[in-house]
Amino acid sequence: MEQKSTLSLKLAVMAIAVLLGLAALGDLFEPQAKVQADTARFDHVQIVSTTFIHKGQMGLLLLDRRNGNVWFVQMTSDESRLVPFKDPVFLIRVPFEKLDQAP
């Protein structure tokens, strides 16, 4: 009886080893595709507010995280325009470098 359980154990271990070997060889014959991702074109722009009023006009408030510039982009009510926004208007530069200084 002990010989039968030993044989079963050896067969189970051998089957596991063969399956693991097949899984490892599968990557050799079919290597996984290597992909490389670039950051998005405007990844540095963060929308601070989607409804911001500046000088009586409603629009978007944007932050350029590269340099701390804050921009206002006015929405237009003219439906004939392809893009419902006017050109951005510079509002202020936020001095991020002062955040590292001790109070």
N, C-alpha and C. Protein backbone atom coordinates (compact mmCIF):
# COMPACT_ATOMS: atom_id res chain seq x y z
N MET A 1 0.82 -1.20 0.00
CA MET A 1 0.00 0.00 0.00
C MET A 1 0.86 1.26 0.00
N GLU A 2 1.95 1.25 0.76
CA GLU A 2 2.84 2.39 0.83
C GLU A 2 3.52 2.63 -0.51
N GLN A 3 3.81 1.56 -1.22
CA GLN A 3 4.44 1.69 -2.53
C GLN A 3 3.47 2.34 -3.53
N LYS A 4 2.19 2.04 -3.39
CA LYS A 4 1.18 2.62 -4.29
C LYS A 4 1.03 4.13 -4.05
N SER A 5 1.05 4.57 -2.77
CA SER A 5 0.95 5.99 -2.47
C SER A 5 2.22 6.73 -2.89
N THR A 6 3.36 6.08 -2.77
CA THR A 6 4.62 6.69 -3.22
C THR A 6 4.60 6.86 -4.74
N LEU A 7 4.10 5.88 -5.45
CA LEU A 7 4.01 5.96 -6.90
C LEU A 7 3.03 7.08 -7.31
N SER A 8 1.92 7.20 -6.63
CA SER A 8 0.95 8.26 -6.91
C SER A 8 1.56 9.63 -6.66
N LEU A 9 2.30 9.73 -5.58
CA LEU A 9 2.96 11.01 -5.25
C LEU A 9 3.98 11.37 -6.32
N LYS A 10 4.78 10.38 -6.74
CA LYS A 10 5.78 10.63 -7.79
C LYS A 10 5.12 11.03 -9.10
N LEU A 11 4.00 10.40 -9.45
CA LEU A 11 3.29 10.75 -10.67
C LEU A 11 2.70 12.17 -10.60
N ALA A 12 2.19 12.53 -9.44
CA ALA A 12 1.62 13.87 -9.27
C ALA A 12 2.71 14.94 -9.37
N VAL A 13 3.84 14.69 -8.73
CA VAL A 13 4.96 15.64 -8.79
C VAL A 13 5.48 15.74 -10.22
N MET A 14 5.57 14.59 -10.92
CA MET A 14 6.05 14.58 -12.31
C MET A 14 5.07 15.35 -13.21
N ALA A 15 3.77 15.20 -13.00
CA ALA A 15 2.78 15.91 -13.80
C ALA A 15 2.87 17.41 -13.57
N ILE A 16 3.06 17.82 -12.33
CA ILE A 16 3.20 19.24 -12.02
C ILE A 16 4.46 19.80 -12.67
N ALA A 17 5.56 19.04 -12.61
CA ALA A 17 6.81 19.49 -13.21
C ALA A 17 6.68 19.63 -14.73
N VAL A 18 6.00 18.68 -15.37
CA VAL A 18 5.81 18.75 -16.82
C VAL A 18 4.93 19.95 -17.19
N LEU A 19 3.87 20.19 -16.45
CA LEU A 19 2.99 21.33 -16.74
C LEU A 19 3.71 22.67 -16.54
N LEU A 20 4.53 22.77 -15.50
CA LEU A 20 5.30 23.99 -15.28
C LEU A 20 6.33 24.18 -16.39
N GLY A 21 6.93 23.09 -16.84
CA GLY A 21 7.89 23.16 -17.95
C GLY A 21 7.22 23.63 -19.23
N LEU A 22 6.02 23.12 -19.50
CA LEU A 22 5.28 23.54 -20.69
C LEU A 22 4.90 25.02 -20.60
N ALA A 23 4.54 25.47 -19.43
CA ALA A 23 4.19 26.88 -19.26
C ALA A 23 5.41 27.77 -19.49
N ALA A 24 6.57 27.32 -19.01
CA ALA A 24 7.80 28.10 -19.20
C ALA A 24 8.22 28.10 -20.66
N LEU A 25 8.08 26.98 -21.35
CA LEU A 25 8.46 26.90 -22.76
C LEU A 25 7.50 27.69 -23.64
N GLY A 26 6.27 27.83 -23.23
CA GLY A 26 5.30 28.60 -24.01
C GLY A 26 5.74 30.04 -24.19
N ASP A 27 6.38 30.63 -23.18
CA ASP A 27 6.87 32.00 -23.29
C ASP A 27 8.06 32.11 -24.22
N LEU A 28 8.82 31.04 -24.37
CA LEU A 28 9.96 31.07 -25.29
C LEU A 28 9.49 31.10 -26.75
N PHE A 29 8.48 30.34 -27.06
CA PHE A 29 7.99 30.27 -28.43
C PHE A 29 7.04 31.42 -28.79
N GLU A 30 6.33 31.92 -27.82
CA GLU A 30 5.42 33.05 -28.02
C GLU A 30 5.73 34.13 -26.99
N PRO A 31 6.77 34.92 -27.23
CA PRO A 31 7.10 35.96 -26.23
C PRO A 31 6.00 37.01 -26.16
N GLN A 32 5.81 37.56 -24.99
CA GLN A 32 4.79 38.57 -24.79
C GLN A 32 5.22 39.86 -25.48
N ALA A 33 4.27 40.58 -26.01
CA ALA A 33 4.57 41.82 -26.71
C ALA A 33 5.06 42.87 -25.72
N LYS A 34 6.10 43.57 -26.12
CA LYS A 34 6.62 44.64 -25.28
C LYS A 34 5.99 45.94 -25.74
N VAL A 35 5.44 46.66 -24.80
CA VAL A 35 4.79 47.92 -25.11
C VAL A 35 5.48 49.05 -24.37
N GLN A 36 5.43 50.20 -24.99
CA GLN A 36 6.02 51.38 -24.38
C GLN A 36 4.98 52.49 -24.45
N ALA A 37 4.75 53.11 -23.34
CA ALA A 37 3.72 54.16 -23.29
C ALA A 37 4.37 55.52 -23.09
N ASP A 38 3.84 56.49 -23.80
CA ASP A 38 4.25 57.88 -23.61
C ASP A 38 3.16 58.59 -22.82
N THR A 39 3.56 59.66 -22.18
CA THR A 39 2.56 60.44 -21.45
C THR A 39 1.69 61.18 -22.46
N ALA A 40 0.54 61.53 -22.01
CA ALA A 40 -0.39 62.26 -22.87
C ALA A 40 0.17 63.64 -23.21
N ARG A 41 -0.30 64.20 -24.30
CA ARG A 41 0.23 65.48 -24.77
C ARG A 41 0.02 66.61 -23.76
N PHE A 42 -1.12 66.63 -23.11
CA PHE A 42 -1.42 67.68 -22.14
C PHE A 42 -1.57 67.10 -20.74
N ASP A 43 -0.70 66.19 -20.40
CA ASP A 43 -0.74 65.54 -19.10
C ASP A 43 -0.44 66.52 -17.96
N HIS A 44 0.25 67.59 -18.26
CA HIS A 44 0.65 68.57 -17.25
C HIS A 44 -0.47 69.57 -16.94
N VAL A 45 -1.56 69.54 -17.69
CA VAL A 45 -2.67 70.48 -17.48
C VAL A 45 -3.72 69.82 -16.59
N GLN A 46 -4.07 70.50 -15.53
CA GLN A 46 -5.07 69.98 -14.60
C GLN A 46 -6.26 70.96 -14.56
N ILE A 47 -7.46 70.41 -14.67
CA ILE A 47 -8.65 71.24 -14.58
C ILE A 47 -8.94 71.49 -13.10
N VAL A 48 -8.84 72.74 -12.71
CA VAL A 48 -9.08 73.10 -11.30
C VAL A 48 -10.57 73.26 -11.06
N SER A 49 -11.27 73.92 -12.00
CA SER A 49 -12.70 74.15 -11.85
C SER A 49 -13.35 74.14 -13.22
N THR A 50 -14.47 73.44 -13.33
CA THR A 50 -15.18 73.39 -14.60
C THR A 50 -16.19 74.54 -14.74
N THR A 51 -16.54 75.15 -13.65
CA THR A 51 -17.45 76.31 -13.69
C THR A 51 -16.84 77.42 -12.84
N PHE A 52 -16.07 78.28 -13.48
CA PHE A 52 -15.40 79.38 -12.80
C PHE A 52 -15.82 80.69 -13.48
N ILE A 53 -16.12 81.69 -12.69
CA ILE A 53 -16.55 82.98 -13.25
C ILE A 53 -15.41 83.98 -13.08
N HIS A 54 -15.01 84.56 -14.23
CA HIS A 54 -13.93 85.55 -14.25
C HIS A 54 -14.42 86.74 -15.06
N LYS A 55 -14.47 87.91 -14.42
CA LYS A 55 -14.96 89.14 -15.06
C LYS A 55 -16.34 88.95 -15.68
N GLY A 56 -17.20 88.25 -14.98
CA GLY A 56 -18.58 88.06 -15.42
C GLY A 56 -18.77 86.99 -16.49
N GLN A 57 -17.72 86.30 -16.88
CA GLN A 57 -17.79 85.26 -17.90
C GLN A 57 -17.51 83.90 -17.26
N MET A 58 -18.26 82.89 -17.71
CA MET A 58 -18.07 81.55 -17.15
C MET A 58 -17.13 80.75 -18.04
N GLY A 59 -16.31 79.93 -17.40
CA GLY A 59 -15.38 79.11 -18.17
C GLY A 59 -14.65 78.12 -17.28
N LEU A 60 -13.55 77.60 -17.80
CA LEU A 60 -12.73 76.61 -17.09
C LEU A 60 -11.55 77.30 -16.43
N LEU A 61 -11.12 76.76 -15.30
CA LEU A 61 -9.90 77.22 -14.64
C LEU A 61 -8.90 76.09 -14.75
N LEU A 62 -7.76 76.36 -15.37
CA LEU A 62 -6.75 75.34 -15.62
C LEU A 62 -5.46 75.67 -14.90
N LEU A 63 -4.73 74.63 -14.50
CA LEU A 63 -3.43 74.79 -13.85
C LEU A 63 -2.39 74.03 -14.66
N ASP A 64 -1.33 74.73 -15.04
CA ASP A 64 -0.19 74.11 -15.71
C ASP A 64 0.77 73.66 -14.61
N ARG A 65 0.87 72.37 -14.39
CA ARG A 65 1.66 71.86 -13.27
C ARG A 65 3.16 71.97 -13.50
N ARG A 66 3.59 72.27 -14.72
CA ARG A 66 5.02 72.42 -14.98
C ARG A 66 5.57 73.69 -14.36
N ASN A 67 4.80 74.79 -14.42
CA ASN A 67 5.33 76.07 -13.98
C ASN A 67 4.41 76.82 -13.00
N GLY A 68 3.22 76.28 -12.71
CA GLY A 68 2.32 76.91 -11.76
C GLY A 68 1.43 77.98 -12.36
N ASN A 69 1.39 78.10 -13.67
CA ASN A 69 0.52 79.10 -14.30
C ASN A 69 -0.94 78.67 -14.22
N VAL A 70 -1.80 79.63 -13.89
CA VAL A 70 -3.24 79.39 -13.84
C VAL A 70 -3.87 80.14 -15.00
N TRP A 71 -4.71 79.43 -15.76
CA TRP A 71 -5.31 79.97 -16.97
C TRP A 71 -6.83 79.89 -16.86
N PHE A 72 -7.50 80.85 -17.50
CA PHE A 72 -8.95 80.85 -17.59
C PHE A 72 -9.32 80.70 -19.06
N VAL A 73 -10.19 79.74 -19.36
CA VAL A 73 -10.66 79.52 -20.73
C VAL A 73 -12.16 79.76 -20.73
N GLN A 74 -12.57 80.84 -21.41
CA GLN A 74 -13.98 81.22 -21.42
C GLN A 74 -14.78 80.33 -22.35
N MET A 75 -15.97 79.92 -21.87
CA MET A 75 -16.90 79.17 -22.71
C MET A 75 -17.71 80.16 -23.54
N THR A 76 -18.02 79.78 -24.76
CA THR A 76 -18.84 80.64 -25.61
C THR A 76 -20.24 80.07 -25.71
N SER A 77 -21.18 80.96 -25.91
CA SER A 77 -22.56 80.51 -26.09
C SER A 77 -22.91 80.41 -27.58
N ASP A 78 -21.94 80.71 -28.44
CA ASP A 78 -22.14 80.65 -29.89
C ASP A 78 -22.07 79.20 -30.34
N GLU A 79 -23.20 78.64 -30.73
CA GLU A 79 -23.26 77.23 -31.11
C GLU A 79 -22.69 76.96 -32.50
N SER A 80 -22.43 78.01 -33.27
CA SER A 80 -21.89 77.81 -34.61
C SER A 80 -20.39 77.52 -34.57
N ARG A 81 -19.74 77.81 -33.45
CA ARG A 81 -18.30 77.54 -33.34
C ARG A 81 -18.06 76.05 -33.14
N LEU A 82 -17.00 75.56 -33.77
CA LEU A 82 -16.64 74.15 -33.64
C LEU A 82 -16.14 73.86 -32.23
N VAL A 83 -15.34 74.75 -31.69
CA VAL A 83 -14.82 74.62 -30.34
C VAL A 83 -15.55 75.63 -29.45
N PRO A 84 -16.19 75.16 -28.39
CA PRO A 84 -16.99 76.08 -27.57
C PRO A 84 -16.18 76.90 -26.57
N PHE A 85 -14.89 77.12 -26.83
CA PHE A 85 -14.04 77.86 -25.90
C PHE A 85 -13.29 78.95 -26.65
N LYS A 86 -13.02 80.05 -25.97
CA LYS A 86 -12.16 81.10 -26.52
C LYS A 86 -10.72 80.81 -26.12
N ASP A 87 -9.81 81.65 -26.57
CA ASP A 87 -8.39 81.47 -26.24
C ASP A 87 -8.16 81.63 -24.73
N PRO A 88 -7.21 80.89 -24.18
CA PRO A 88 -6.94 80.99 -22.73
C PRO A 88 -6.39 82.36 -22.35
N VAL A 89 -6.72 82.76 -21.12
CA VAL A 89 -6.25 84.03 -20.57
C VAL A 89 -5.43 83.70 -19.32
N PHE A 90 -4.20 84.22 -19.27
CA PHE A 90 -3.34 84.00 -18.11
C PHE A 90 -3.87 84.78 -16.92
N LEU A 91 -3.98 84.11 -15.76
CA LEU A 91 -4.47 84.80 -14.55
C LEU A 91 -3.35 85.07 -13.56
N ILE A 92 -2.63 84.03 -13.16
CA ILE A 92 -1.63 84.18 -12.10
C ILE A 92 -0.65 83.02 -12.16
N ARG A 93 0.52 83.23 -11.59
CA ARG A 93 1.48 82.14 -11.43
C ARG A 93 1.55 81.78 -9.95
N VAL A 94 1.32 80.52 -9.66
CA VAL A 94 1.37 80.04 -8.28
C VAL A 94 2.82 79.63 -7.98
N PRO A 95 3.47 80.23 -6.98
CA PRO A 95 4.87 79.90 -6.70
C PRO A 95 5.00 78.59 -5.91
N PHE A 96 5.05 77.49 -6.65
CA PHE A 96 5.15 76.17 -6.01
C PHE A 96 6.44 76.01 -5.21
N GLU A 97 7.50 76.71 -5.62
CA GLU A 97 8.79 76.55 -4.91
C GLU A 97 8.71 77.02 -3.47
N LYS A 98 7.76 77.87 -3.14
CA LYS A 98 7.60 78.34 -1.76
C LYS A 98 7.00 77.27 -0.87
N LEU A 99 6.40 76.23 -1.45
CA LEU A 99 5.83 75.16 -0.64
C LEU A 99 6.90 74.35 0.07
N ASP A 100 8.13 74.33 -0.50
CA ASP A 100 9.23 73.58 0.11
C ASP A 100 9.88 74.34 1.28
N GLN A 101 9.64 75.62 1.37
CA GLN A 101 10.25 76.41 2.42
C GLN A 101 9.53 76.23 3.75
N ALA A 102 10.29 76.23 4.81
CA ALA A 102 9.69 76.11 6.14
C ALA A 102 8.95 77.41 6.48
N PRO A 103 7.83 77.29 7.19
CA PRO A 103 7.07 78.51 7.55
C PRO A 103 7.81 79.37 8.56
